[in-house]
N, C-alpha and C. Protein backbone atom coordinates (compact mmCIF):
# COMPACT_ATOMS: atom_id res chain seq x y z
N UNK A 1 197.38 74.56 84.02
CA UNK A 1 196.06 74.93 84.09
C UNK A 1 195.40 74.04 83.00
N UNK A 2 194.27 73.40 83.28
CA UNK A 2 193.53 72.58 82.21
C UNK A 2 193.00 73.48 81.10
N UNK A 3 192.86 73.11 79.76
CA UNK A 3 192.33 74.01 78.64
C UNK A 3 191.00 74.32 78.78
N UNK A 4 190.05 73.56 79.54
CA UNK A 4 188.70 73.95 79.63
C UNK A 4 188.28 73.33 80.97
N UNK A 5 187.09 73.91 81.49
CA UNK A 5 186.50 73.33 82.70
C UNK A 5 187.13 73.80 83.99
N UNK A 6 186.56 73.65 84.99
CA UNK A 6 187.16 73.97 86.27
C UNK A 6 186.88 75.58 86.62
N UNK A 7 187.34 75.91 87.69
CA UNK A 7 187.23 77.42 88.16
C UNK A 7 188.40 78.28 87.66
N UNK A 8 188.01 79.28 87.05
CA UNK A 8 189.09 80.33 86.48
C UNK A 8 189.34 81.35 87.57
N UNK A 9 190.55 81.72 87.84
CA UNK A 9 190.79 82.92 88.76
C UNK A 9 189.87 84.13 88.28
N UNK A 10 189.20 84.78 89.29
CA UNK A 10 188.58 85.99 88.99
C UNK A 10 187.17 85.87 88.47
N UNK A 11 186.62 84.45 88.20
CA UNK A 11 185.40 84.16 87.58
C UNK A 11 184.32 84.22 88.69
N UNK A 12 183.02 84.46 88.25
CA UNK A 12 181.93 84.37 89.11
C UNK A 12 181.53 85.83 89.54
N UNK A 13 180.52 85.88 90.17
CA UNK A 13 179.84 87.12 90.64
C UNK A 13 180.81 87.70 91.73
N UNK A 14 181.01 88.95 91.72
CA UNK A 14 181.73 89.67 92.91
C UNK A 14 180.81 89.97 93.98
N UNK A 15 181.32 89.92 95.13
CA UNK A 15 180.46 90.03 96.36
C UNK A 15 180.10 91.44 96.50
N UNK A 16 178.95 91.84 96.78
CA UNK A 16 178.55 93.32 96.83
C UNK A 16 178.43 93.78 98.42
N UNK A 17 178.08 94.83 98.47
CA UNK A 17 177.92 95.41 99.88
C UNK A 17 176.94 94.81 100.66
N UNK A 18 175.84 94.31 100.08
CA UNK A 18 174.78 93.48 100.71
C UNK A 18 174.45 92.33 99.87
N UNK A 19 173.79 91.32 100.23
CA UNK A 19 173.32 90.18 99.51
C UNK A 19 172.24 90.72 98.48
N UNK A 20 172.17 90.05 97.34
CA UNK A 20 171.34 90.49 96.26
C UNK A 20 170.14 89.27 96.25
N UNK A 21 169.09 89.67 95.41
CA UNK A 21 167.97 88.70 95.19
C UNK A 21 167.36 88.93 94.04
N UNK A 22 167.12 87.88 93.27
CA UNK A 22 166.44 87.93 91.90
C UNK A 22 164.97 88.32 92.18
N UNK A 23 164.63 89.15 91.21
CA UNK A 23 163.06 89.59 91.20
C UNK A 23 162.49 89.69 89.81
N UNK A 24 161.44 89.25 89.61
CA UNK A 24 160.79 89.23 88.27
C UNK A 24 159.93 90.51 88.25
N UNK A 25 160.01 91.24 87.15
CA UNK A 25 159.30 92.60 86.90
C UNK A 25 158.53 92.57 85.66
N UNK A 26 157.32 92.92 85.80
CA UNK A 26 156.59 92.92 84.43
C UNK A 26 157.38 93.82 83.39
N UNK A 27 157.37 93.31 82.18
CA UNK A 27 158.11 94.14 81.16
C UNK A 27 157.80 95.54 81.03
N UNK A 28 156.59 95.92 81.26
CA UNK A 28 156.13 97.32 81.21
C UNK A 28 156.73 98.26 82.23
N UNK A 29 157.22 97.75 83.30
CA UNK A 29 157.74 98.40 84.27
C UNK A 29 159.36 98.30 84.62
N UNK A 30 160.02 97.61 83.66
CA UNK A 30 161.50 97.50 83.80
C UNK A 30 162.15 98.68 83.83
N UNK A 31 161.65 99.78 82.90
CA UNK A 31 162.46 101.04 82.91
C UNK A 31 162.30 101.75 84.10
N UNK A 32 161.03 101.71 84.69
CA UNK A 32 160.73 102.40 85.84
C UNK A 32 161.48 101.87 87.02
N UNK A 33 161.71 100.61 87.14
CA UNK A 33 162.58 99.86 88.20
C UNK A 33 164.03 100.29 87.97
N UNK A 34 164.40 100.24 86.75
CA UNK A 34 165.88 100.66 86.46
C UNK A 34 166.14 102.16 86.93
N UNK A 35 165.16 103.07 86.56
CA UNK A 35 165.41 104.38 87.03
C UNK A 35 165.33 104.58 88.56
N UNK A 36 164.48 103.80 89.23
CA UNK A 36 164.45 103.89 90.67
C UNK A 36 165.67 103.36 91.30
N UNK A 37 166.29 102.29 90.77
CA UNK A 37 167.53 101.69 91.25
C UNK A 37 168.73 102.61 91.08
N UNK A 38 168.77 103.33 89.93
CA UNK A 38 169.92 104.48 89.76
C UNK A 38 169.69 105.65 90.57
N UNK A 39 168.60 105.73 91.33
CA UNK A 39 168.52 107.04 92.13
C UNK A 39 169.09 106.73 93.38
N UNK A 40 170.01 107.68 93.94
CA UNK A 40 170.52 107.67 95.34
C UNK A 40 169.40 107.47 96.36
N UNK A 41 169.65 106.58 97.40
CA UNK A 41 168.52 106.36 98.34
C UNK A 41 168.07 107.57 99.14
N UNK A 42 169.13 108.69 99.16
CA UNK A 42 168.79 109.88 99.87
C UNK A 42 168.43 110.90 98.98
N UNK A 43 168.16 110.60 97.78
CA UNK A 43 167.94 111.55 96.77
C UNK A 43 166.39 112.13 96.94
N UNK A 44 166.12 113.26 96.80
CA UNK A 44 164.74 113.95 96.81
C UNK A 44 163.93 113.24 95.57
N UNK A 45 162.71 113.07 95.69
CA UNK A 45 161.84 112.56 94.73
C UNK A 45 161.91 113.38 93.45
N UNK A 46 161.91 112.78 92.36
CA UNK A 46 161.98 113.45 91.06
C UNK A 46 160.68 113.40 90.32
N UNK A 47 160.20 114.70 89.94
CA UNK A 47 158.78 114.73 89.26
C UNK A 47 159.00 114.03 87.93
N UNK A 48 157.94 113.04 87.62
CA UNK A 48 158.05 112.42 86.36
C UNK A 48 157.96 113.37 85.18
N UNK A 49 158.68 113.15 84.16
CA UNK A 49 158.69 114.18 82.99
C UNK A 49 157.97 113.25 81.73
N UNK A 50 156.97 114.10 81.11
CA UNK A 50 156.52 113.58 80.00
C UNK A 50 156.26 114.71 79.08
N UNK A 51 155.96 114.45 77.81
CA UNK A 51 155.83 115.47 76.73
C UNK A 51 154.53 116.34 77.23
N UNK A 52 153.69 115.77 77.76
CA UNK A 52 152.57 116.57 78.21
C UNK A 52 151.77 115.74 79.35
N UNK A 53 151.33 116.57 80.28
CA UNK A 53 150.51 115.98 81.32
C UNK A 53 149.07 115.84 80.90
N UNK A 54 148.74 116.49 79.80
CA UNK A 54 147.44 116.27 79.31
C UNK A 54 146.25 116.53 80.26
N UNK A 55 145.65 115.55 80.82
CA UNK A 55 144.43 115.65 81.66
C UNK A 55 144.85 115.54 83.03
N UNK A 56 145.94 115.64 83.57
CA UNK A 56 146.42 115.48 84.97
C UNK A 56 147.46 116.51 85.38
N UNK A 57 147.48 116.73 86.69
CA UNK A 57 148.65 117.74 87.12
C UNK A 57 149.35 116.91 88.22
N UNK A 58 150.67 116.81 88.24
CA UNK A 58 151.39 116.11 88.98
C UNK A 58 151.43 116.94 90.45
N UNK A 59 151.14 116.33 91.62
CA UNK A 59 151.05 117.04 93.03
C UNK A 59 152.24 116.45 93.90
N UNK A 60 152.87 115.46 93.51
CA UNK A 60 154.08 114.94 94.45
C UNK A 60 153.62 113.49 95.12
N UNK A 61 154.49 113.13 95.94
CA UNK A 61 154.37 111.77 96.50
C UNK A 61 153.82 112.04 98.05
N UNK A 62 153.13 111.04 98.46
CA UNK A 62 152.79 111.23 99.93
C UNK A 62 153.86 111.10 100.88
N UNK A 63 153.72 111.52 102.02
CA UNK A 63 154.69 111.45 103.09
C UNK A 63 153.93 111.02 104.54
N UNK A 64 154.50 110.12 105.15
CA UNK A 64 153.99 109.78 106.52
C UNK A 64 154.84 110.29 107.53
N UNK A 65 155.70 111.28 107.31
CA UNK A 65 156.56 111.83 108.30
C UNK A 65 155.70 112.73 109.26
N UNK A 66 154.69 113.37 108.87
CA UNK A 66 153.74 114.07 109.66
C UNK A 66 152.46 113.58 109.72
N UNK A 67 152.08 112.50 110.21
CA UNK A 67 150.67 112.06 110.05
C UNK A 67 149.69 112.95 110.86
N UNK A 68 148.57 113.03 110.19
CA UNK A 68 147.57 113.88 110.57
C UNK A 68 146.13 112.87 110.70
N UNK A 69 146.05 112.35 111.92
CA UNK A 69 144.83 111.41 112.16
C UNK A 69 143.74 112.23 112.84
N UNK A 70 142.62 112.35 112.02
CA UNK A 70 141.50 113.01 112.51
C UNK A 70 140.48 112.07 113.04
N UNK A 71 139.45 112.55 113.83
CA UNK A 71 138.46 111.64 114.24
C UNK A 71 137.59 110.96 113.11
N UNK A 72 137.18 109.61 113.29
CA UNK A 72 136.46 109.09 112.41
C UNK A 72 135.19 108.50 112.99
N UNK A 73 133.93 108.90 112.45
CA UNK A 73 132.74 108.58 113.16
C UNK A 73 132.27 107.26 112.62
N UNK A 74 131.59 106.35 113.35
CA UNK A 74 131.11 105.16 112.75
C UNK A 74 129.79 105.45 112.04
N UNK A 75 129.05 106.45 112.47
CA UNK A 75 127.65 106.56 111.92
C UNK A 75 127.54 107.15 110.58
N UNK A 76 126.75 106.58 109.82
CA UNK A 76 126.35 107.02 108.54
C UNK A 76 125.48 108.11 108.60
N UNK A 77 125.85 109.33 107.93
CA UNK A 77 125.10 110.48 108.07
C UNK A 77 124.50 110.93 106.73
N UNK A 78 123.10 110.71 106.68
CA UNK A 78 122.60 111.33 105.34
C UNK A 78 122.50 112.64 105.13
N UNK A 79 122.31 113.28 106.39
CA UNK A 79 122.46 114.81 106.35
C UNK A 79 122.58 115.25 107.79
N UNK A 80 123.44 116.27 107.99
CA UNK A 80 123.82 116.66 109.25
C UNK A 80 125.04 115.99 110.04
N UNK A 81 125.11 115.79 111.09
CA UNK A 81 126.28 115.36 111.81
C UNK A 81 125.85 114.70 113.07
N UNK A 82 126.66 113.59 113.46
CA UNK A 82 126.16 112.91 114.61
C UNK A 82 126.25 113.72 115.77
N UNK A 83 125.17 113.54 116.68
CA UNK A 83 125.27 114.38 118.03
C UNK A 83 126.51 114.16 118.90
N UNK A 84 127.11 115.22 119.36
CA UNK A 84 128.34 115.18 120.07
C UNK A 84 127.94 114.47 121.33
N UNK A 85 126.81 114.28 121.81
CA UNK A 85 126.35 113.50 123.03
C UNK A 85 126.36 111.99 122.85
N UNK A 86 126.27 111.72 121.55
CA UNK A 86 126.26 110.25 121.21
C UNK A 86 127.74 109.82 121.10
N UNK A 87 128.04 108.62 121.50
CA UNK A 87 129.29 108.03 121.32
C UNK A 87 129.44 107.17 119.94
N UNK A 88 129.77 108.00 118.97
CA UNK A 88 129.86 107.42 117.66
C UNK A 88 131.34 107.32 117.12
N UNK A 89 132.17 107.87 117.93
CA UNK A 89 133.72 107.73 117.50
C UNK A 89 134.01 106.36 117.39
N UNK A 90 134.69 106.12 116.26
CA UNK A 90 135.22 104.76 115.81
C UNK A 90 136.74 104.64 115.98
N UNK A 91 137.32 105.87 115.94
CA UNK A 91 138.78 105.90 115.83
C UNK A 91 139.41 107.08 115.18
N UNK A 92 140.48 106.98 114.52
CA UNK A 92 141.01 108.14 113.87
C UNK A 92 141.51 107.57 112.53
N UNK A 93 141.52 108.65 111.68
CA UNK A 93 141.86 108.34 110.06
C UNK A 93 142.72 109.30 109.64
N UNK A 94 143.88 108.72 109.08
CA UNK A 94 144.91 109.49 108.33
C UNK A 94 144.66 109.13 106.92
N UNK A 95 144.37 110.30 106.02
CA UNK A 95 144.13 109.92 104.68
C UNK A 95 145.36 109.30 103.93
N UNK A 96 146.57 109.41 104.31
CA UNK A 96 147.57 108.76 103.68
C UNK A 96 147.65 107.19 104.10
N UNK A 97 147.47 106.97 105.28
CA UNK A 97 147.13 105.49 105.73
C UNK A 97 146.10 104.82 104.97
N UNK A 98 144.94 105.60 104.80
CA UNK A 98 143.86 105.05 104.17
C UNK A 98 144.10 104.86 102.69
N UNK A 99 144.54 105.78 102.00
CA UNK A 99 144.68 105.65 100.47
C UNK A 99 146.09 105.08 100.13
N UNK A 100 147.18 105.14 100.89
CA UNK A 100 148.44 104.72 100.38
C UNK A 100 148.87 103.36 100.96
N UNK A 101 148.93 102.35 100.02
CA UNK A 101 149.43 100.96 100.45
C UNK A 101 150.89 100.87 100.21
N UNK A 102 151.52 101.48 99.07
CA UNK A 102 152.93 101.34 98.86
C UNK A 102 153.41 102.70 98.66
N UNK A 103 154.00 103.10 99.87
CA UNK A 103 154.30 104.70 99.87
C UNK A 103 155.33 104.99 98.69
N UNK A 104 156.46 104.20 98.62
CA UNK A 104 157.42 104.59 97.65
C UNK A 104 157.02 104.61 96.20
N UNK A 105 155.82 103.92 95.90
CA UNK A 105 155.45 103.79 94.53
C UNK A 105 153.99 104.56 94.23
N UNK A 106 153.64 105.53 95.31
CA UNK A 106 152.46 106.20 95.20
C UNK A 106 152.69 107.81 95.03
N UNK A 107 151.90 108.30 94.30
CA UNK A 107 151.85 109.78 93.98
C UNK A 107 150.46 110.26 93.78
N UNK A 108 150.28 111.60 93.92
CA UNK A 108 149.05 112.33 93.83
C UNK A 108 149.09 113.12 92.47
N UNK A 109 148.02 113.07 91.71
CA UNK A 109 147.86 114.04 90.54
C UNK A 109 146.35 114.54 90.72
N UNK A 110 146.37 115.85 90.24
CA UNK A 110 144.98 116.47 90.01
C UNK A 110 144.46 116.28 88.55
N UNK A 111 143.16 115.87 88.78
CA UNK A 111 142.47 115.35 87.29
C UNK A 111 142.04 116.65 86.60
N UNK A 112 142.06 116.78 85.28
CA UNK A 112 141.59 117.87 84.63
C UNK A 112 140.52 117.26 83.65
N UNK A 113 139.35 117.82 83.42
CA UNK A 113 138.44 117.26 82.44
C UNK A 113 137.22 116.57 83.03
N UNK A 114 136.24 116.01 82.14
CA UNK A 114 135.04 115.47 82.60
C UNK A 114 134.94 114.05 82.09
N UNK A 115 135.93 113.34 81.50
CA UNK A 115 135.83 112.09 81.13
C UNK A 115 135.58 111.07 81.95
N UNK A 116 135.77 111.06 83.24
CA UNK A 116 135.55 110.09 84.24
C UNK A 116 134.40 110.45 85.28
N UNK A 117 133.53 111.36 85.05
CA UNK A 117 132.53 111.60 85.96
C UNK A 117 131.81 110.46 86.40
N UNK A 118 131.48 109.70 85.51
CA UNK A 118 130.65 108.42 85.76
C UNK A 118 131.33 107.45 86.85
N UNK A 119 132.73 107.54 87.10
CA UNK A 119 133.36 106.81 87.99
C UNK A 119 133.53 107.55 89.20
N UNK A 120 132.90 108.86 89.28
CA UNK A 120 133.02 109.59 90.46
C UNK A 120 134.33 110.46 90.64
N UNK A 121 134.97 110.65 89.50
CA UNK A 121 136.09 111.43 89.38
C UNK A 121 135.82 112.61 88.57
N UNK A 122 135.89 113.76 89.28
CA UNK A 122 135.45 115.05 88.66
C UNK A 122 136.70 115.97 88.56
N UNK A 123 136.42 116.87 87.53
CA UNK A 123 137.55 117.94 87.25
C UNK A 123 137.91 118.73 88.51
N UNK A 124 139.17 118.60 88.72
CA UNK A 124 139.85 119.13 89.93
C UNK A 124 140.08 118.17 91.13
N UNK A 125 139.60 117.06 91.08
CA UNK A 125 139.74 116.07 92.09
C UNK A 125 141.27 115.58 92.03
N UNK A 126 141.70 115.17 93.26
CA UNK A 126 143.06 114.65 93.49
C UNK A 126 142.87 113.03 93.58
N UNK A 127 143.67 112.28 92.75
CA UNK A 127 143.66 111.00 92.82
C UNK A 127 144.98 110.44 93.30
N UNK A 128 144.92 109.28 94.10
CA UNK A 128 146.24 108.59 94.52
C UNK A 128 146.46 107.51 93.56
N UNK A 129 147.74 107.56 93.09
CA UNK A 129 148.03 106.56 91.97
C UNK A 129 149.14 105.59 92.41
N UNK A 130 148.96 104.39 92.40
CA UNK A 130 149.92 103.36 92.96
C UNK A 130 150.49 102.63 91.78
N UNK A 131 151.86 102.79 91.68
CA UNK A 131 152.56 102.13 90.56
C UNK A 131 152.90 100.61 90.89
N UNK A 132 152.85 100.17 92.14
CA UNK A 132 153.05 98.93 92.52
C UNK A 132 152.02 97.97 92.29
N UNK A 133 150.88 98.36 92.05
CA UNK A 133 149.67 97.44 91.90
C UNK A 133 149.85 96.87 90.36
N UNK A 134 149.40 95.58 90.29
CA UNK A 134 149.31 95.11 88.87
C UNK A 134 147.97 95.57 88.30
N UNK A 135 147.92 96.29 87.12
CA UNK A 135 146.64 96.71 86.63
C UNK A 135 145.74 95.48 86.23
N UNK A 136 144.57 95.49 86.46
CA UNK A 136 143.58 94.51 86.06
C UNK A 136 142.42 94.99 85.28
N UNK A 137 141.70 94.29 84.59
CA UNK A 137 140.45 94.60 83.86
C UNK A 137 139.59 95.25 84.64
N UNK A 138 139.07 96.44 84.15
CA UNK A 138 138.23 97.05 85.27
C UNK A 138 138.66 98.26 86.20
N UNK A 139 139.99 98.15 86.39
CA UNK A 139 140.64 99.23 87.21
C UNK A 139 140.57 100.45 86.53
N UNK A 140 140.45 101.64 87.33
CA UNK A 140 140.91 102.87 86.76
C UNK A 140 142.23 103.27 86.80
N UNK A 141 142.99 103.58 85.81
CA UNK A 141 144.31 103.69 85.59
C UNK A 141 144.69 105.03 85.06
N UNK A 142 145.91 105.41 85.42
CA UNK A 142 146.71 106.47 84.87
C UNK A 142 147.59 105.80 83.84
N UNK A 143 147.30 106.32 82.35
CA UNK A 143 147.93 105.46 81.43
C UNK A 143 148.70 106.66 80.59
N UNK A 144 149.85 106.29 79.90
CA UNK A 144 150.57 107.14 78.98
C UNK A 144 150.53 106.45 77.55
N UNK A 145 150.03 107.28 76.76
CA UNK A 145 149.95 106.97 75.39
C UNK A 145 150.82 107.92 74.56
N UNK A 146 151.80 107.53 73.98
CA UNK A 146 152.76 108.35 73.20
C UNK A 146 153.08 109.54 73.96
N UNK A 147 153.49 109.40 75.29
CA UNK A 147 153.97 110.39 76.11
C UNK A 147 152.67 111.41 76.69
N UNK A 148 151.42 111.12 76.30
CA UNK A 148 150.44 111.87 76.95
C UNK A 148 149.79 111.09 78.02
N UNK A 149 149.54 111.73 79.13
CA UNK A 149 148.73 111.13 80.22
C UNK A 149 147.32 111.28 80.20
N UNK A 150 146.61 110.22 80.73
CA UNK A 150 145.16 110.28 80.70
C UNK A 150 144.73 109.29 81.89
N UNK A 151 143.61 109.45 82.39
CA UNK A 151 142.99 108.59 83.42
C UNK A 151 141.81 107.94 82.85
N UNK A 152 141.77 106.71 82.79
CA UNK A 152 140.64 106.01 82.19
C UNK A 152 140.38 104.58 82.78
N UNK A 153 139.46 103.95 82.39
CA UNK A 153 139.13 102.51 82.96
C UNK A 153 139.77 101.52 81.92
N UNK A 154 140.65 100.66 82.59
CA UNK A 154 141.37 99.59 81.68
C UNK A 154 140.31 98.49 81.31
N UNK A 155 140.27 98.33 80.10
CA UNK A 155 139.37 97.21 79.45
C UNK A 155 140.21 96.29 78.65
N UNK A 156 140.21 94.89 78.98
CA UNK A 156 140.94 93.84 78.29
C UNK A 156 140.19 92.83 77.88
N UNK A 157 140.00 92.54 76.64
CA UNK A 157 139.03 91.63 76.13
C UNK A 157 139.40 90.88 74.99
N UNK A 158 139.72 89.57 74.86
CA UNK A 158 140.14 88.84 73.67
C UNK A 158 141.52 89.33 73.22
N UNK A 159 142.42 89.66 74.06
CA UNK A 159 143.69 90.15 73.69
C UNK A 159 143.81 91.77 73.25
N UNK A 160 142.60 92.45 73.23
CA UNK A 160 142.50 93.77 72.88
C UNK A 160 142.53 94.71 74.12
N UNK A 161 143.24 95.63 74.23
CA UNK A 161 143.32 96.55 75.25
C UNK A 161 142.73 97.86 74.96
N UNK A 162 141.82 98.43 75.65
CA UNK A 162 141.04 99.76 75.40
C UNK A 162 141.16 100.44 76.71
N UNK A 163 140.96 101.69 76.64
CA UNK A 163 140.89 102.65 77.77
C UNK A 163 139.61 103.31 77.64
N UNK A 164 138.67 103.10 78.62
CA UNK A 164 137.20 103.67 78.46
C UNK A 164 137.09 104.76 79.35
N UNK A 165 136.42 105.81 78.83
CA UNK A 165 136.02 106.93 79.59
C UNK A 165 134.81 106.52 80.29
N UNK A 166 134.55 107.28 81.46
CA UNK A 166 133.27 107.04 82.11
C UNK A 166 132.27 108.00 81.86
N UNK A 167 132.22 108.55 80.61
CA UNK A 167 131.30 109.81 80.33
C UNK A 167 130.86 109.46 78.74
N UNK A 168 129.62 109.25 78.39
CA UNK A 168 129.27 108.97 77.01
C UNK A 168 129.71 110.14 76.03
N UNK A 169 129.98 111.23 76.53
CA UNK A 169 130.44 112.31 75.58
C UNK A 169 131.84 112.08 75.12
N UNK A 170 132.72 111.20 75.57
CA UNK A 170 134.03 110.80 75.27
C UNK A 170 134.12 109.66 74.58
N UNK A 171 134.98 109.60 73.41
CA UNK A 171 135.26 108.20 72.82
C UNK A 171 136.23 107.40 73.58
N UNK A 172 135.85 106.08 73.47
CA UNK A 172 137.02 105.08 74.00
C UNK A 172 138.41 105.29 73.24
N UNK A 173 139.48 104.85 74.06
CA UNK A 173 140.70 104.97 73.37
C UNK A 173 141.23 103.47 73.03
N UNK A 174 141.49 103.19 71.75
CA UNK A 174 142.19 101.89 71.48
C UNK A 174 143.40 102.17 70.68
N UNK A 175 144.53 101.84 71.32
CA UNK A 175 145.78 102.13 70.73
C UNK A 175 145.98 101.47 69.28
N UNK A 176 146.34 102.32 68.50
CA UNK A 176 146.59 101.86 67.03
C UNK A 176 147.88 101.28 66.89
N UNK A 177 148.34 100.26 65.93
CA UNK A 177 149.79 99.54 65.80
C UNK A 177 150.71 100.83 65.76
N UNK A 178 151.72 100.36 66.52
CA UNK A 178 152.78 101.33 66.49
C UNK A 178 152.76 102.45 67.66
N UNK A 179 151.49 102.67 68.29
CA UNK A 179 151.34 103.56 69.35
C UNK A 179 151.75 102.93 70.65
N UNK A 180 152.55 103.65 71.48
CA UNK A 180 153.04 103.08 72.80
C UNK A 180 152.07 103.41 73.89
N UNK A 181 151.56 102.24 74.60
CA UNK A 181 150.62 102.51 75.72
C UNK A 181 151.39 101.86 77.02
N UNK A 182 151.49 102.60 77.93
CA UNK A 182 152.00 102.32 79.10
C UNK A 182 151.09 102.46 80.39
N UNK A 183 150.66 101.46 81.21
CA UNK A 183 150.00 101.73 82.20
C UNK A 183 150.92 102.24 83.48
N UNK A 184 150.70 103.50 83.80
CA UNK A 184 151.58 104.24 84.66
C UNK A 184 151.41 103.81 86.05
N UNK A 185 149.96 103.48 86.35
CA UNK A 185 149.55 103.28 87.68
C UNK A 185 148.20 102.96 87.92
N UNK A 186 147.78 102.37 89.10
CA UNK A 186 146.33 102.10 89.33
C UNK A 186 145.85 103.14 90.29
N UNK A 187 144.54 103.79 90.01
CA UNK A 187 144.08 104.76 90.86
C UNK A 187 143.50 104.03 92.20
N UNK A 188 144.03 104.49 93.42
CA UNK A 188 143.52 103.82 94.65
C UNK A 188 142.44 104.57 95.29
N UNK A 189 142.43 106.05 95.08
CA UNK A 189 141.29 106.78 95.72
C UNK A 189 141.15 108.01 95.16
N UNK A 190 140.11 108.79 95.44
CA UNK A 190 139.93 110.16 95.06
C UNK A 190 139.71 111.11 96.31
N UNK A 191 140.15 112.19 96.16
CA UNK A 191 139.97 113.29 97.24
C UNK A 191 139.30 114.50 96.63
N UNK A 192 138.29 114.96 97.25
CA UNK A 192 137.68 116.18 96.70
C UNK A 192 137.39 117.21 97.78
N UNK A 193 137.71 118.46 97.43
CA UNK A 193 137.38 119.54 98.48
C UNK A 193 136.11 120.14 97.78
N UNK A 194 135.10 120.36 98.77
CA UNK A 194 133.92 120.93 98.33
C UNK A 194 133.86 122.57 98.44
N UNK A 195 134.72 123.12 99.23
CA UNK A 195 134.96 124.50 99.43
C UNK A 195 136.34 124.97 99.17
């Protein structure tokens, strides 16, 4: 056997059960991807754990196993309802199909507090949060600051990241040095019950 060079017995990658593929993941999401890969495919979804849920309440992941598509009317209704005699039906709408783009990466939480009323997110509203979307400047996000969850608008300017409330009664959040900030997901939509 030559002292160096050439193929050594047992060297190289071992074949797996299926082919693998290289994937680039944002650094802030590496641990979430590793945790997902460690979970058996048939395991029940596990509720995320944090020191405090702060201003949100976890409601679980959406499921499309039992779709519920209801009639969707094309008419815009300032007050009242379109006449049944008129043919306004546009189709059917399932809220999971409407709000959920990435089913495996989306979950629902209930918002607590008034800091986002200017964005149309009120106390008690349910928001759909998508962890697969890349957060951008101006997105409404679910953020984790030192283990505390909050819903705010992501603001990036000149290398500075801030979390802005949409209510003038609340101060912006600007992470201090040494403070850990993670964007947990992007808010895709809001659901509100009136009664």
